[in-house]
N, C-alpha and C. Protein backbone atom coordinates (compact mmCIF):
# COMPACT_ATOMS: atom_id res chain seq x y z
N MET A 1 213.09 -5.37 59.02
CA MET A 1 212.10 -6.12 59.66
C MET A 1 210.73 -5.54 59.32
N THR A 2 209.87 -6.45 58.97
CA THR A 2 208.52 -6.00 58.65
C THR A 2 207.61 -6.22 59.84
N SER A 3 206.92 -5.28 60.03
CA SER A 3 206.02 -5.40 61.18
C SER A 3 204.60 -5.56 60.64
N ILE A 4 203.92 -6.47 61.21
CA ILE A 4 202.54 -6.74 60.78
C ILE A 4 201.61 -6.04 61.76
N ALA A 5 200.87 -5.18 61.22
CA ALA A 5 199.92 -4.46 62.06
C ALA A 5 198.63 -5.26 62.14
N THR A 6 198.16 -5.45 63.28
CA THR A 6 196.89 -6.16 63.45
C THR A 6 195.85 -5.18 63.98
N ALA A 7 194.69 -5.31 63.42
CA ALA A 7 193.61 -4.44 63.87
C ALA A 7 192.82 -5.19 64.94
N SER A 8 192.70 -4.56 66.02
CA SER A 8 191.91 -5.20 67.07
C SER A 8 190.58 -4.46 67.20
N THR A 9 189.57 -5.24 67.37
CA THR A 9 188.25 -4.64 67.53
C THR A 9 187.90 -4.65 69.01
N VAL A 10 187.47 -3.55 69.43
CA VAL A 10 187.09 -3.41 70.83
C VAL A 10 185.60 -3.13 70.86
N THR A 11 184.90 -3.92 71.61
CA THR A 11 183.46 -3.68 71.75
C THR A 11 183.23 -2.90 73.03
N ALA A 12 182.40 -1.91 72.89
CA ALA A 12 182.11 -1.08 74.04
C ALA A 12 181.09 -1.79 74.91
N ALA A 13 181.40 -1.97 76.12
CA ALA A 13 180.49 -2.61 77.06
C ALA A 13 179.53 -1.57 77.61
N ALA A 14 178.33 -2.03 77.92
CA ALA A 14 177.34 -1.13 78.51
C ALA A 14 177.84 -0.69 79.87
N PRO A 15 177.60 0.55 80.20
CA PRO A 15 178.03 1.03 81.51
C PRO A 15 177.42 0.17 82.62
N ARG A 16 178.13 0.05 83.66
CA ARG A 16 177.68 -0.78 84.78
C ARG A 16 176.39 -0.22 85.39
N GLY A 17 175.43 -1.11 85.68
CA GLY A 17 174.18 -0.68 86.29
C GLY A 17 173.10 -0.33 85.29
N GLN A 18 173.39 -0.32 84.03
CA GLN A 18 172.38 0.01 83.02
C GLN A 18 171.85 -1.29 82.43
N VAL A 19 170.53 -1.40 82.33
CA VAL A 19 169.90 -2.60 81.79
C VAL A 19 169.50 -2.35 80.36
N ARG A 20 169.80 -3.29 79.52
CA ARG A 20 169.45 -3.18 78.12
C ARG A 20 168.63 -4.40 77.75
N LEU A 21 167.39 -4.18 77.28
CA LEU A 21 166.49 -5.28 76.98
C LEU A 21 166.60 -5.71 75.53
N THR A 22 166.53 -6.99 75.35
CA THR A 22 166.48 -7.54 73.99
C THR A 22 165.03 -7.53 73.54
N ARG A 23 164.79 -7.92 72.34
CA ARG A 23 163.43 -7.99 71.82
C ARG A 23 162.60 -8.95 72.67
N ARG A 24 163.16 -10.09 72.99
CA ARG A 24 162.46 -11.08 73.81
C ARG A 24 162.16 -10.50 75.20
N GLY A 25 163.11 -9.74 75.74
CA GLY A 25 162.91 -9.12 77.04
C GLY A 25 161.77 -8.11 77.02
N ARG A 26 161.68 -7.32 75.95
CA ARG A 26 160.58 -6.36 75.83
C ARG A 26 159.25 -7.07 75.74
N VAL A 27 159.19 -8.18 75.00
CA VAL A 27 157.95 -8.94 74.88
C VAL A 27 157.53 -9.47 76.25
N VAL A 28 158.48 -9.97 77.02
CA VAL A 28 158.18 -10.48 78.35
C VAL A 28 157.67 -9.36 79.26
N VAL A 29 158.26 -8.19 79.20
CA VAL A 29 157.83 -7.07 80.02
C VAL A 29 156.41 -6.64 79.64
N VAL A 30 156.12 -6.57 78.36
CA VAL A 30 154.78 -6.18 77.91
C VAL A 30 153.76 -7.22 78.35
N LEU A 31 154.06 -8.50 78.19
CA LEU A 31 153.13 -9.55 78.60
C LEU A 31 152.91 -9.53 80.11
N ALA A 32 153.96 -9.28 80.87
CA ALA A 32 153.82 -9.19 82.33
C ALA A 32 152.93 -8.01 82.72
N ALA A 33 153.07 -6.89 82.03
CA ALA A 33 152.24 -5.71 82.31
C ALA A 33 150.78 -6.00 81.97
N LEU A 34 150.52 -6.67 80.86
CA LEU A 34 149.15 -7.02 80.48
C LEU A 34 148.54 -7.99 81.49
N LEU A 35 149.32 -8.95 81.94
CA LEU A 35 148.84 -9.91 82.93
C LEU A 35 148.51 -9.19 84.24
N LEU A 36 149.35 -8.26 84.64
CA LEU A 36 149.09 -7.50 85.85
C LEU A 36 147.81 -6.68 85.71
N ALA A 37 147.61 -6.06 84.55
CA ALA A 37 146.39 -5.28 84.31
C ALA A 37 145.16 -6.18 84.35
N LEU A 38 145.26 -7.38 83.82
CA LEU A 38 144.15 -8.33 83.84
C LEU A 38 143.82 -8.74 85.27
N VAL A 39 144.82 -9.03 86.05
CA VAL A 39 144.60 -9.43 87.44
C VAL A 39 143.96 -8.29 88.23
N VAL A 40 144.43 -7.08 88.05
CA VAL A 40 143.85 -5.93 88.74
C VAL A 40 142.40 -5.72 88.28
N GLY A 41 142.15 -5.85 87.00
CA GLY A 41 140.78 -5.69 86.48
C GLY A 41 139.83 -6.72 87.04
N VAL A 42 140.26 -7.96 87.14
CA VAL A 42 139.41 -9.01 87.70
C VAL A 42 139.18 -8.76 89.18
N ALA A 43 140.21 -8.36 89.89
CA ALA A 43 140.08 -8.11 91.32
C ALA A 43 139.12 -6.95 91.60
N LEU A 44 139.23 -5.88 90.84
CA LEU A 44 138.36 -4.73 91.05
C LEU A 44 136.98 -4.94 90.45
N GLY A 45 136.86 -5.77 89.45
CA GLY A 45 135.58 -6.04 88.82
C GLY A 45 134.69 -6.93 89.67
N GLY A 46 135.25 -7.60 90.65
CA GLY A 46 134.48 -8.50 91.49
C GLY A 46 133.80 -7.80 92.65
N VAL A 47 133.71 -6.48 92.61
CA VAL A 47 133.10 -5.73 93.70
C VAL A 47 131.62 -6.05 93.80
N SER A 48 130.95 -6.19 92.68
CA SER A 48 129.54 -6.52 92.67
C SER A 48 129.38 -8.03 92.73
N SER A 49 128.59 -8.49 93.66
CA SER A 49 128.41 -9.93 93.76
C SER A 49 126.97 -10.25 94.14
N ALA A 50 126.55 -11.44 93.78
CA ALA A 50 125.20 -11.89 94.08
C ALA A 50 125.18 -12.53 95.45
N SER A 51 124.04 -12.49 96.09
CA SER A 51 123.89 -13.16 97.37
C SER A 51 122.88 -14.28 97.22
N GLU A 52 122.82 -15.13 98.21
CA GLU A 52 121.87 -16.23 98.15
C GLU A 52 120.49 -15.81 98.64
N GLU A 53 120.40 -14.62 99.21
CA GLU A 53 119.12 -14.14 99.69
C GLU A 53 118.35 -13.49 98.54
N ALA A 54 117.08 -13.83 98.45
CA ALA A 54 116.24 -13.26 97.40
C ALA A 54 115.82 -11.86 97.80
N GLY A 55 115.79 -10.98 96.83
CA GLY A 55 115.32 -9.63 97.08
C GLY A 55 113.80 -9.61 97.09
N ALA A 56 113.25 -8.50 97.46
CA ALA A 56 111.79 -8.37 97.48
C ALA A 56 111.28 -8.34 96.04
N PRO A 57 110.38 -9.24 95.69
CA PRO A 57 109.87 -9.24 94.31
C PRO A 57 109.02 -8.00 94.07
N GLN A 58 109.08 -7.52 92.85
CA GLN A 58 108.32 -6.33 92.48
C GLN A 58 106.89 -6.74 92.17
N ALA A 59 105.96 -6.03 92.72
CA ALA A 59 104.55 -6.32 92.46
C ALA A 59 104.22 -5.93 91.02
N THR A 60 103.68 -6.87 90.28
CA THR A 60 103.31 -6.61 88.88
C THR A 60 101.90 -7.12 88.62
N GLU A 61 101.35 -6.67 87.53
CA GLU A 61 100.07 -7.20 87.06
C GLU A 61 100.22 -7.49 85.57
N VAL A 62 99.43 -8.43 85.08
CA VAL A 62 99.49 -8.82 83.68
C VAL A 62 98.48 -7.99 82.91
N VAL A 63 98.96 -7.40 81.82
CA VAL A 63 98.11 -6.60 80.94
C VAL A 63 98.10 -7.28 79.58
N VAL A 64 96.92 -7.47 79.02
CA VAL A 64 96.80 -8.03 77.67
C VAL A 64 96.69 -6.88 76.70
N VAL A 65 97.54 -6.91 75.68
CA VAL A 65 97.58 -5.82 74.70
C VAL A 65 96.35 -5.90 73.81
N ASN A 66 95.60 -4.81 73.77
CA ASN A 66 94.40 -4.71 72.92
C ASN A 66 94.75 -3.98 71.63
N GLU A 67 93.80 -3.97 70.70
CA GLU A 67 94.01 -3.30 69.43
C GLU A 67 94.23 -1.80 69.66
N GLY A 68 95.31 -1.27 69.09
CA GLY A 68 95.63 0.15 69.20
C GLY A 68 96.50 0.47 70.40
N ASP A 69 96.75 -0.50 71.27
CA ASP A 69 97.62 -0.24 72.43
C ASP A 69 99.07 -0.14 72.00
N THR A 70 99.82 0.73 72.68
CA THR A 70 101.26 0.84 72.48
C THR A 70 101.92 0.69 73.84
N LEU A 71 103.18 0.36 73.83
CA LEU A 71 103.90 0.25 75.09
C LEU A 71 103.94 1.59 75.80
N TRP A 72 104.05 2.66 75.03
CA TRP A 72 104.06 4.00 75.62
C TRP A 72 102.72 4.28 76.32
N GLY A 73 101.63 3.91 75.67
CA GLY A 73 100.30 4.15 76.25
C GLY A 73 100.08 3.33 77.51
N ILE A 74 100.53 2.07 77.49
CA ILE A 74 100.39 1.22 78.67
C ILE A 74 101.24 1.78 79.81
N ALA A 75 102.46 2.21 79.50
CA ALA A 75 103.35 2.77 80.52
C ALA A 75 102.77 4.07 81.08
N ALA A 76 102.14 4.88 80.22
CA ALA A 76 101.56 6.14 80.68
C ALA A 76 100.42 5.89 81.66
N GLY A 77 99.75 4.76 81.53
CA GLY A 77 98.65 4.43 82.44
C GLY A 77 99.10 4.08 83.85
N VAL A 78 100.33 3.62 84.00
CA VAL A 78 100.80 3.21 85.33
C VAL A 78 101.92 4.10 85.87
N ALA A 79 102.49 4.94 85.04
CA ALA A 79 103.63 5.77 85.47
C ALA A 79 103.15 7.04 86.15
N GLU A 80 104.04 7.57 86.98
CA GLU A 80 103.76 8.87 87.59
C GLU A 80 103.97 9.95 86.53
N GLU A 81 103.51 11.12 86.84
CA GLU A 81 103.62 12.25 85.91
C GLU A 81 105.07 12.49 85.53
N GLY A 82 105.37 12.51 84.24
CA GLY A 82 106.71 12.79 83.74
C GLY A 82 107.68 11.61 83.79
N GLU A 83 107.21 10.43 84.17
CA GLU A 83 108.08 9.26 84.30
C GLU A 83 107.74 8.16 83.30
N VAL A 84 107.08 8.52 82.20
CA VAL A 84 106.63 7.52 81.23
C VAL A 84 107.82 6.82 80.56
N ARG A 85 108.83 7.58 80.19
CA ARG A 85 110.00 7.00 79.51
C ARG A 85 110.69 5.97 80.41
N ALA A 86 110.82 6.29 81.68
CA ALA A 86 111.45 5.36 82.63
C ALA A 86 110.59 4.12 82.80
N MET A 87 109.26 4.29 82.79
CA MET A 87 108.36 3.14 82.92
C MET A 87 108.42 2.25 81.69
N VAL A 88 108.55 2.84 80.51
CA VAL A 88 108.71 2.03 79.29
C VAL A 88 109.96 1.17 79.41
N SER A 89 111.04 1.76 79.86
CA SER A 89 112.29 0.99 80.04
C SER A 89 112.11 -0.11 81.06
N GLU A 90 111.41 0.17 82.15
CA GLU A 90 111.19 -0.83 83.20
C GLU A 90 110.33 -1.98 82.69
N ILE A 91 109.29 -1.67 81.93
CA ILE A 91 108.42 -2.72 81.37
C ILE A 91 109.19 -3.57 80.37
N ARG A 92 110.01 -2.93 79.54
CA ARG A 92 110.84 -3.69 78.59
C ARG A 92 111.78 -4.63 79.32
N GLU A 93 112.37 -4.16 80.42
CA GLU A 93 113.29 -4.99 81.19
C GLU A 93 112.55 -6.14 81.88
N LEU A 94 111.40 -5.86 82.45
CA LEU A 94 110.60 -6.90 83.12
C LEU A 94 110.22 -8.03 82.18
N ASN A 95 109.94 -7.68 80.93
CA ASN A 95 109.44 -8.66 79.96
C ASN A 95 110.49 -9.12 78.94
N ASN A 96 111.73 -8.67 79.13
CA ASN A 96 112.82 -9.02 78.20
C ASN A 96 112.46 -8.71 76.75
N LEU A 97 111.93 -7.51 76.54
CA LEU A 97 111.54 -7.08 75.19
C LEU A 97 112.73 -6.44 74.50
N ASP A 98 112.94 -6.80 73.23
CA ASP A 98 114.03 -6.22 72.45
C ASP A 98 113.69 -4.82 71.94
N SER A 99 112.39 -4.56 71.77
CA SER A 99 111.97 -3.25 71.27
C SER A 99 110.70 -2.84 72.00
N SER A 100 110.16 -1.71 71.62
CA SER A 100 108.93 -1.22 72.24
C SER A 100 107.69 -1.67 71.49
N VAL A 101 107.83 -2.57 70.55
CA VAL A 101 106.71 -3.05 69.75
C VAL A 101 105.98 -4.15 70.52
N VAL A 102 104.66 -4.00 70.66
CA VAL A 102 103.83 -5.02 71.28
C VAL A 102 102.80 -5.47 70.27
N THR A 103 102.33 -6.69 70.41
CA THR A 103 101.38 -7.24 69.44
C THR A 103 100.05 -7.53 70.11
N LEU A 104 99.01 -7.56 69.33
CA LEU A 104 97.65 -7.80 69.79
C LEU A 104 97.60 -9.14 70.52
N GLY A 105 97.06 -9.14 71.73
CA GLY A 105 96.92 -10.36 72.51
C GLY A 105 98.14 -10.71 73.37
N GLN A 106 99.22 -9.99 73.21
CA GLN A 106 100.44 -10.25 73.98
C GLN A 106 100.18 -9.91 75.45
N GLU A 107 100.64 -10.78 76.34
CA GLU A 107 100.52 -10.53 77.77
C GLU A 107 101.86 -9.99 78.27
N ILE A 108 101.80 -8.83 78.89
CA ILE A 108 103.03 -8.24 79.43
C ILE A 108 102.82 -7.93 80.90
N HIS A 109 103.89 -7.99 81.66
CA HIS A 109 103.86 -7.65 83.09
C HIS A 109 104.22 -6.18 83.23
N VAL A 110 103.42 -5.47 84.01
CA VAL A 110 103.70 -4.06 84.30
C VAL A 110 103.70 -3.88 85.81
N PRO A 111 104.52 -2.98 86.31
CA PRO A 111 104.52 -2.72 87.76
C PRO A 111 103.17 -2.19 88.20
N VAL A 112 102.77 -2.60 89.40
CA VAL A 112 101.49 -2.12 89.96
C VAL A 112 101.66 -0.66 90.34
N ALA A 113 100.70 0.17 89.92
CA ALA A 113 100.73 1.60 90.25
C ALA A 113 100.48 1.76 91.74
N ASP A 114 101.25 2.66 92.36
CA ASP A 114 101.10 2.90 93.80
C ASP A 114 99.96 3.81 94.09
């Protein structure tokens, strides 16, 4: 009598209680984590908010740039001792200036000296 041997393949099952993610599962987990980070960022980023009440306007005066004037020189005329650099920044912000270059005849707003 001839006996036919058959080979059986046994697949090892994952132990009970262990989760194994597929590629699609990993993508879903990563996207969920990114979405959670976005939601937390938006929630925490909304701490600063505008109100409908107007703040106190800053008192300013208009200065016309004369020949030889520089923004630094104008700022030095209205700034306190040692605060010229901060005043230059404030004047640039008040006038939406991209640089510190001013031109002859240009009208700029400067804070009123106290």
